[in-house]
N, C-alpha and C. Protein backbone atom coordinates (compact mmCIF):
# COMPACT_ATOMS: atom_id res chain seq x y z
N UNK A 1 -94.86 -22.99 85.70
CA UNK A 1 -94.98 -22.52 84.36
C UNK A 1 -96.43 -22.52 83.88
N UNK A 2 -97.25 -23.35 84.49
CA UNK A 2 -98.67 -23.37 84.12
C UNK A 2 -99.34 -22.04 84.46
N UNK A 3 -98.82 -21.36 85.45
CA UNK A 3 -99.42 -20.09 85.89
C UNK A 3 -98.79 -18.87 85.21
N UNK A 4 -97.83 -19.07 84.34
CA UNK A 4 -97.11 -17.96 83.71
C UNK A 4 -97.83 -17.51 82.45
N UNK A 5 -98.46 -16.33 82.49
CA UNK A 5 -99.23 -15.86 81.33
C UNK A 5 -98.39 -15.62 80.07
N UNK A 6 -97.07 -15.53 80.20
CA UNK A 6 -96.23 -15.30 79.03
C UNK A 6 -96.23 -16.49 78.07
N UNK A 7 -96.54 -17.68 78.57
CA UNK A 7 -96.59 -18.87 77.73
C UNK A 7 -97.96 -18.99 77.06
N UNK A 8 -97.99 -19.62 75.89
CA UNK A 8 -99.25 -19.85 75.19
C UNK A 8 -100.12 -20.80 76.01
N UNK A 9 -101.43 -20.62 75.93
CA UNK A 9 -102.36 -21.40 76.75
C UNK A 9 -102.22 -22.91 76.56
N UNK A 10 -102.05 -23.37 75.34
CA UNK A 10 -101.93 -24.81 75.11
C UNK A 10 -100.75 -25.39 75.89
N UNK A 11 -99.64 -24.66 75.92
CA UNK A 11 -98.47 -25.14 76.66
C UNK A 11 -98.70 -25.05 78.16
N UNK A 12 -99.45 -24.07 78.59
CA UNK A 12 -99.77 -23.97 80.02
C UNK A 12 -100.66 -25.13 80.46
N UNK A 13 -101.56 -25.58 79.58
CA UNK A 13 -102.37 -26.78 79.87
C UNK A 13 -101.43 -27.98 80.02
N UNK A 14 -100.47 -28.09 79.12
CA UNK A 14 -99.48 -29.17 79.18
C UNK A 14 -98.71 -29.13 80.51
N UNK A 15 -98.23 -27.95 80.87
CA UNK A 15 -97.49 -27.82 82.12
C UNK A 15 -98.36 -28.17 83.32
N UNK A 16 -99.62 -27.79 83.28
CA UNK A 16 -100.54 -28.12 84.38
C UNK A 16 -100.75 -29.63 84.45
N UNK A 17 -100.90 -30.27 83.30
CA UNK A 17 -101.08 -31.73 83.28
C UNK A 17 -99.88 -32.44 83.87
N UNK A 18 -98.69 -31.98 83.53
CA UNK A 18 -97.47 -32.58 84.08
C UNK A 18 -97.36 -32.29 85.57
N UNK A 19 -97.57 -31.05 85.94
CA UNK A 19 -97.39 -30.65 87.33
C UNK A 19 -98.37 -31.27 88.31
N UNK A 20 -99.55 -31.59 87.86
CA UNK A 20 -100.57 -32.12 88.76
C UNK A 20 -100.88 -33.59 88.48
N UNK A 21 -100.07 -34.24 87.65
CA UNK A 21 -100.32 -35.64 87.30
C UNK A 21 -100.02 -36.57 88.47
N UNK A 22 -100.83 -37.62 88.57
CA UNK A 22 -100.55 -38.66 89.56
C UNK A 22 -99.60 -39.68 88.94
N UNK A 23 -99.34 -40.76 89.63
CA UNK A 23 -98.37 -41.74 89.14
C UNK A 23 -98.86 -42.48 87.89
N UNK A 24 -100.12 -42.33 87.55
CA UNK A 24 -100.68 -42.95 86.35
C UNK A 24 -100.72 -41.98 85.17
N UNK A 25 -100.27 -40.76 85.39
CA UNK A 25 -100.27 -39.76 84.32
C UNK A 25 -101.58 -39.03 84.16
N UNK A 26 -102.45 -39.12 85.16
CA UNK A 26 -103.74 -38.42 85.12
C UNK A 26 -103.67 -37.20 86.02
N UNK A 27 -104.13 -36.09 85.51
CA UNK A 27 -104.19 -34.86 86.31
C UNK A 27 -105.65 -34.46 86.43
N UNK A 28 -106.18 -34.52 87.61
CA UNK A 28 -107.57 -34.14 87.85
C UNK A 28 -107.64 -32.73 88.43
N UNK A 29 -108.60 -31.97 87.97
CA UNK A 29 -108.77 -30.60 88.44
C UNK A 29 -110.21 -30.42 88.90
N UNK A 30 -110.36 -29.95 90.11
CA UNK A 30 -111.68 -29.66 90.67
C UNK A 30 -112.33 -28.54 89.86
N UNK A 31 -113.64 -28.38 90.01
CA UNK A 31 -114.34 -27.34 89.25
C UNK A 31 -113.68 -25.97 89.40
N UNK A 32 -113.39 -25.34 88.29
CA UNK A 32 -112.80 -24.01 88.28
C UNK A 32 -111.30 -23.96 88.51
N UNK A 33 -110.70 -25.06 88.92
CA UNK A 33 -109.27 -25.06 89.25
C UNK A 33 -108.40 -24.85 88.02
N UNK A 34 -108.66 -25.55 86.94
CA UNK A 34 -107.85 -25.38 85.74
C UNK A 34 -108.03 -23.97 85.18
N UNK A 35 -109.24 -23.47 85.16
CA UNK A 35 -109.51 -22.10 84.69
C UNK A 35 -108.76 -21.08 85.55
N UNK A 36 -108.70 -21.32 86.86
CA UNK A 36 -107.99 -20.42 87.76
C UNK A 36 -106.48 -20.47 87.50
N UNK A 37 -105.96 -21.66 87.26
CA UNK A 37 -104.53 -21.80 86.97
C UNK A 37 -104.15 -21.09 85.66
N UNK A 38 -105.03 -21.16 84.69
CA UNK A 38 -104.74 -20.59 83.37
C UNK A 38 -105.07 -19.10 83.26
N UNK A 39 -105.80 -18.59 84.22
CA UNK A 39 -106.18 -17.18 84.18
C UNK A 39 -105.00 -16.27 84.46
N UNK A 40 -105.25 -14.99 84.43
CA UNK A 40 -104.20 -14.05 84.76
C UNK A 40 -104.76 -12.90 85.58
N UNK A 41 -103.89 -12.32 86.36
CA UNK A 41 -104.24 -11.20 87.24
C UNK A 41 -105.39 -11.56 88.17
N UNK A 42 -105.40 -12.81 88.62
CA UNK A 42 -106.42 -13.26 89.57
C UNK A 42 -107.77 -13.56 88.97
N UNK A 43 -107.90 -13.43 87.65
CA UNK A 43 -109.18 -13.68 86.99
C UNK A 43 -109.10 -14.99 86.22
N UNK A 44 -109.96 -15.97 86.53
CA UNK A 44 -109.91 -17.25 85.82
C UNK A 44 -110.38 -17.11 84.37
N UNK A 45 -109.94 -18.05 83.55
CA UNK A 45 -110.42 -18.10 82.17
C UNK A 45 -111.90 -18.46 82.16
N UNK A 46 -112.57 -18.07 81.13
CA UNK A 46 -113.95 -18.49 80.96
C UNK A 46 -113.98 -19.98 80.65
N UNK A 47 -115.14 -20.60 80.79
CA UNK A 47 -115.27 -22.02 80.48
C UNK A 47 -114.92 -22.28 79.02
N UNK A 48 -115.38 -21.43 78.12
CA UNK A 48 -115.10 -21.61 76.69
C UNK A 48 -113.61 -21.49 76.39
N UNK A 49 -112.95 -20.52 76.99
CA UNK A 49 -111.51 -20.35 76.77
C UNK A 49 -110.73 -21.53 77.32
N UNK A 50 -111.17 -22.06 78.45
CA UNK A 50 -110.52 -23.24 79.03
C UNK A 50 -110.69 -24.43 78.11
N UNK A 51 -111.89 -24.63 77.60
CA UNK A 51 -112.13 -25.73 76.65
C UNK A 51 -111.26 -25.57 75.41
N UNK A 52 -111.17 -24.36 74.89
CA UNK A 52 -110.36 -24.11 73.70
C UNK A 52 -108.88 -24.39 73.96
N UNK A 53 -108.39 -24.00 75.13
CA UNK A 53 -106.99 -24.23 75.47
C UNK A 53 -106.69 -25.72 75.56
N UNK A 54 -107.59 -26.48 76.15
CA UNK A 54 -107.40 -27.93 76.25
C UNK A 54 -107.48 -28.56 74.86
N UNK A 55 -108.42 -28.11 74.05
CA UNK A 55 -108.55 -28.65 72.69
C UNK A 55 -107.28 -28.37 71.88
N UNK A 56 -106.72 -27.19 72.02
CA UNK A 56 -105.49 -26.85 71.29
C UNK A 56 -104.32 -27.69 71.80
N UNK A 57 -104.23 -27.91 73.10
CA UNK A 57 -103.17 -28.76 73.65
C UNK A 57 -103.30 -30.18 73.10
N UNK A 58 -104.54 -30.63 72.95
CA UNK A 58 -104.78 -31.96 72.37
C UNK A 58 -104.34 -32.00 70.92
N UNK A 59 -104.67 -30.98 70.15
CA UNK A 59 -104.29 -30.92 68.73
C UNK A 59 -102.77 -30.95 68.55
N UNK A 60 -102.05 -30.32 69.48
CA UNK A 60 -100.60 -30.27 69.42
C UNK A 60 -99.93 -31.50 70.06
N UNK A 61 -100.75 -32.47 70.48
CA UNK A 61 -100.25 -33.67 71.17
C UNK A 61 -99.51 -33.37 72.46
N UNK A 62 -99.94 -32.32 73.14
CA UNK A 62 -99.34 -31.96 74.42
C UNK A 62 -100.02 -32.69 75.57
N UNK A 63 -101.26 -33.09 75.37
CA UNK A 63 -101.97 -33.95 76.32
C UNK A 63 -102.63 -35.04 75.49
N UNK A 64 -102.97 -36.12 76.13
CA UNK A 64 -103.57 -37.24 75.43
C UNK A 64 -104.89 -36.83 74.78
N UNK A 65 -105.16 -37.36 73.59
CA UNK A 65 -106.45 -37.06 72.97
C UNK A 65 -107.61 -37.65 73.75
N UNK A 66 -107.31 -38.45 74.75
CA UNK A 66 -108.38 -39.05 75.56
C UNK A 66 -108.71 -38.21 76.79
N UNK A 67 -108.38 -36.92 76.77
CA UNK A 67 -108.74 -36.06 77.89
C UNK A 67 -110.25 -36.06 78.05
N UNK A 68 -110.70 -35.67 79.20
CA UNK A 68 -112.14 -35.71 79.43
C UNK A 68 -112.59 -34.56 80.33
N UNK A 69 -113.78 -34.13 80.08
CA UNK A 69 -114.47 -33.23 80.98
C UNK A 69 -115.62 -34.05 81.53
N UNK A 70 -115.57 -34.35 82.80
CA UNK A 70 -116.57 -35.23 83.39
C UNK A 70 -117.56 -34.44 84.23
N UNK A 71 -118.71 -35.01 84.39
CA UNK A 71 -119.73 -34.42 85.26
C UNK A 71 -120.05 -35.41 86.37
N UNK A 72 -120.01 -34.93 87.60
CA UNK A 72 -120.41 -35.80 88.70
C UNK A 72 -121.93 -35.74 88.84
N UNK A 73 -122.52 -36.51 89.74
CA UNK A 73 -123.98 -36.51 89.84
C UNK A 73 -124.61 -35.14 90.07
N UNK A 74 -123.86 -34.22 90.69
CA UNK A 74 -124.38 -32.87 90.91
C UNK A 74 -124.10 -31.94 89.74
N UNK A 75 -123.65 -32.50 88.61
CA UNK A 75 -123.35 -31.75 87.40
C UNK A 75 -122.22 -30.74 87.59
N UNK A 76 -121.24 -31.12 88.41
CA UNK A 76 -120.06 -30.31 88.60
C UNK A 76 -119.01 -30.74 87.59
N UNK A 77 -118.39 -29.80 86.94
CA UNK A 77 -117.40 -30.12 85.90
C UNK A 77 -116.03 -30.34 86.50
N UNK A 78 -115.40 -31.44 86.09
CA UNK A 78 -114.03 -31.77 86.50
C UNK A 78 -113.22 -32.07 85.25
N UNK A 79 -112.04 -31.48 85.14
CA UNK A 79 -111.14 -31.81 84.05
C UNK A 79 -110.25 -32.95 84.48
N UNK A 80 -110.04 -33.92 83.62
CA UNK A 80 -109.08 -34.98 83.83
C UNK A 80 -108.21 -35.02 82.57
N UNK A 81 -106.95 -34.67 82.71
CA UNK A 81 -106.03 -34.64 81.59
C UNK A 81 -105.05 -35.80 81.71
N UNK A 82 -104.68 -36.37 80.60
CA UNK A 82 -103.69 -37.45 80.59
C UNK A 82 -102.50 -36.99 79.78
N UNK A 83 -101.32 -37.25 80.33
CA UNK A 83 -100.10 -36.85 79.61
C UNK A 83 -99.47 -38.04 78.92
């Protein structure tokens, strides 16, 4: 359902968090992975659209407000969502 463009983006973020969560409720996404999951027709979402979708999911309490966008030492962006 996270890949289904018919659903609103905030709910797709929620579905992705559930679908990729580990046993602690954390869903980690490698650089570009969440944007690729949320994109359509093979085109990933832009970074800004991905950030907006996660922010909206947070506002709707679909993911924990403690979600994070982390940077590793090489400044690679990783999303970590908590459900």
